[in-house]
Amino acid sequence: MHDSTSAPTGAAIPAWLRVSSDAPPADATVVGGRACRTRSGLFAEWAGALGLPEHFGHNWDALADSLHDRLPDDGLTIVVAHGEQLLADEAPGQLRALLAVLAHVGRGDPARLRFVLRTAPGREPEVRERLAAAAAH
């Protein structure tokens, strides 16, 4: 298993957030990281994959509201395939905003919401560095 739970700086990654090269769980909603290089791409990809309503506002507040309203009782696992691509064309603040939305919706409880950045074996350090950089700003 190629799973990471700590950032390279030693800062702990929350329990609801994982970086992994393992296959996604069978019950996961998988979104394509290549389609999520920009904020607008992320909103479009997630709206389709998660079945967000047509009136979804394509902003962070609307994403938080839509996820909160649709969170199943048994929790939700979102896996980003090619996780190294997630918001890669955006400033680190956009990744930080996404993580803040997910932390808020899941209330930091991995039983409610799990978020996995899936990447190729050996690319986990690169993804952890991006997470650390987003958290540091």
Protein backbone atom coordinates (compact mmCIF):
# COMPACT_ATOMS: atom_id res chain seq x y z
CA MET A 1 0.00 0.00 0.00
CA HIS A 2 1.36 3.39 -0.99
CA ASP A 3 -0.52 5.62 1.40
CA SER A 4 0.70 8.81 2.99
CA THR A 5 -0.53 10.49 6.12
CA SER A 6 2.08 13.17 6.69
CA ALA A 7 3.40 16.11 4.76
CA PRO A 8 7.13 16.39 4.04
CA THR A 9 7.48 19.19 6.56
CA GLY A 10 6.25 16.88 9.30
CA ALA A 11 2.84 18.54 9.46
CA ALA A 12 0.12 15.97 9.84
CA ILE A 13 -2.40 15.55 7.06
CA PRO A 14 -5.91 15.28 8.53
CA ALA A 15 -7.40 11.78 8.81
CA TRP A 16 -10.07 12.57 6.18
CA LEU A 17 -7.39 13.42 3.56
CA ARG A 18 -5.16 10.80 1.94
CA VAL A 19 -2.55 10.66 -0.77
CA SER A 20 -2.40 7.20 -2.31
CA SER A 21 -1.42 5.20 -5.36
CA ASP A 22 -3.85 2.41 -4.46
CA ALA A 23 -6.99 1.64 -6.44
CA PRO A 24 -9.99 3.66 -5.27
CA PRO A 25 -12.52 2.02 -2.96
CA ALA A 26 -15.51 0.48 -4.75
CA ASP A 27 -17.94 2.95 -3.17
CA ALA A 28 -15.90 6.05 -4.09
CA THR A 29 -16.97 8.84 -6.41
CA VAL A 30 -14.03 9.29 -8.77
CA VAL A 31 -13.34 12.63 -10.42
CA GLY A 32 -10.66 13.23 -13.02
CA GLY A 33 -7.80 15.42 -11.87
CA ARG A 34 -6.90 16.31 -15.45
CA ALA A 35 -10.31 17.97 -15.81
CA CYS A 36 -9.77 19.80 -12.50
CA ARG A 37 -6.62 21.78 -13.28
CA THR A 38 -8.60 25.02 -12.93
CA ARG A 39 -11.31 26.10 -10.53
CA SER A 40 -13.91 26.25 -13.30
CA GLY A 41 -12.87 22.79 -14.51
CA LEU A 42 -13.16 21.43 -10.98
CA PHE A 43 -16.67 22.82 -10.54
CA ALA A 44 -17.81 21.35 -13.88
CA GLU A 45 -16.22 17.94 -13.22
CA TRP A 46 -17.55 17.68 -9.67
CA ALA A 47 -21.03 18.85 -10.68
CA GLY A 48 -21.27 15.97 -13.15
CA ALA A 49 -19.62 13.28 -11.03
CA LEU A 50 -21.49 14.14 -7.83
CA GLY A 51 -24.82 14.94 -9.46
CA LEU A 52 -24.92 18.50 -8.17
CA PRO A 53 -28.10 20.43 -9.01
CA GLU A 54 -28.43 22.47 -12.20
CA HIS A 55 -28.58 25.65 -10.12
CA PHE A 56 -25.15 24.87 -8.58
CA GLY A 57 -23.39 28.24 -8.44
CA HIS A 58 -19.84 27.15 -9.41
CA ASN A 59 -18.16 28.82 -6.42
CA TRP A 60 -16.73 27.54 -3.12
CA ASP A 61 -19.79 28.46 -1.03
CA ALA A 62 -22.13 26.74 -3.50
CA LEU A 63 -19.91 23.64 -3.48
CA ALA A 64 -20.01 23.53 0.32
CA ASP A 65 -23.80 23.89 0.36
CA SER A 66 -24.33 21.28 -2.36
CA LEU A 67 -22.00 18.74 -0.75
CA HIS A 68 -23.54 19.30 2.66
CA ASP A 69 -27.05 18.79 1.25
CA ARG A 70 -26.06 15.61 -0.60
CA LEU A 71 -23.81 13.97 1.97
CA PRO A 72 -25.10 10.41 2.46
CA ASP A 73 -25.68 9.08 5.98
CA ASP A 74 -22.91 6.53 5.50
CA GLY A 75 -20.44 9.18 4.34
CA LEU A 76 -18.82 9.99 1.03
CA THR A 77 -15.44 9.15 -0.46
CA ILE A 78 -14.21 11.41 -3.24
CA VAL A 79 -11.15 10.20 -5.13
CA VAL A 80 -9.29 12.48 -7.53
CA ALA A 81 -7.59 10.36 -10.18
CA HIS A 82 -4.32 12.00 -11.23
CA GLY A 83 -4.42 13.94 -7.96
CA GLU A 84 -1.21 15.76 -8.85
CA GLN A 85 -3.26 17.63 -11.49
CA LEU A 86 -5.85 18.97 -9.02
CA LEU A 87 -5.96 22.78 -9.37
CA ALA A 88 -2.43 22.68 -10.81
CA ASP A 89 -3.06 25.76 -12.96
CA GLU A 90 -4.32 27.81 -10.00
CA ALA A 91 -2.61 29.64 -7.15
CA PRO A 92 -2.13 27.55 -3.97
CA GLY A 93 -4.97 29.50 -2.35
CA GLN A 94 -7.49 27.67 -4.54
CA LEU A 95 -6.35 24.26 -3.28
CA ARG A 96 -6.45 25.66 0.25
CA ALA A 97 -10.03 26.87 -0.37
CA LEU A 98 -11.09 23.43 -1.62
CA LEU A 99 -9.56 21.71 1.40
CA ALA A 100 -11.29 24.20 3.71
CA VAL A 101 -14.65 23.44 2.06
CA LEU A 102 -14.11 19.70 2.44
CA ALA A 103 -13.00 20.04 6.07
CA HIS A 104 -16.10 22.13 6.82
CA VAL A 105 -18.52 19.78 5.06
CA GLY A 106 -17.01 16.68 6.64
CA ARG A 107 -16.50 18.38 10.00
CA GLY A 108 -13.06 16.77 10.01
CA ASP A 109 -14.70 13.35 10.46
CA PRO A 110 -13.40 10.67 8.07
CA ALA A 111 -16.63 8.72 8.65
CA ARG A 112 -18.52 11.63 7.03
CA LEU A 113 -16.18 12.63 4.22
CA ARG A 114 -13.00 11.10 2.87
CA PHE A 115 -10.89 12.78 0.20
CA VAL A 116 -8.19 10.86 -1.63
CA LEU A 117 -5.68 12.30 -4.07
CA ARG A 118 -4.71 9.28 -6.14
CA THR A 119 -1.45 9.45 -8.02
CA ALA A 120 1.09 7.15 -9.64
CA PRO A 121 3.53 5.32 -7.36
CA GLY A 122 6.47 7.59 -6.63
CA ARG A 123 4.50 10.82 -7.15
CA GLU A 124 3.12 10.90 -3.60
CA PRO A 125 5.88 13.27 -2.33
CA GLU A 126 5.02 15.80 -5.07
CA VAL A 127 1.35 15.75 -4.04
CA ARG A 128 2.22 16.05 -0.34
CA GLU A 129 4.43 19.07 -1.14
CA ARG A 130 1.52 20.78 -2.89
CA LEU A 131 -0.72 20.09 0.10
CA ALA A 132 1.91 21.51 2.45
CA ALA A 133 2.40 24.59 0.24
CA ALA A 134 -1.35 25.21 0.12
CA ALA A 135 -1.61 24.90 3.89
CA ALA A 136 1.39 27.19 4.49
CA HIS A 137 -0.03 30.27 2.76
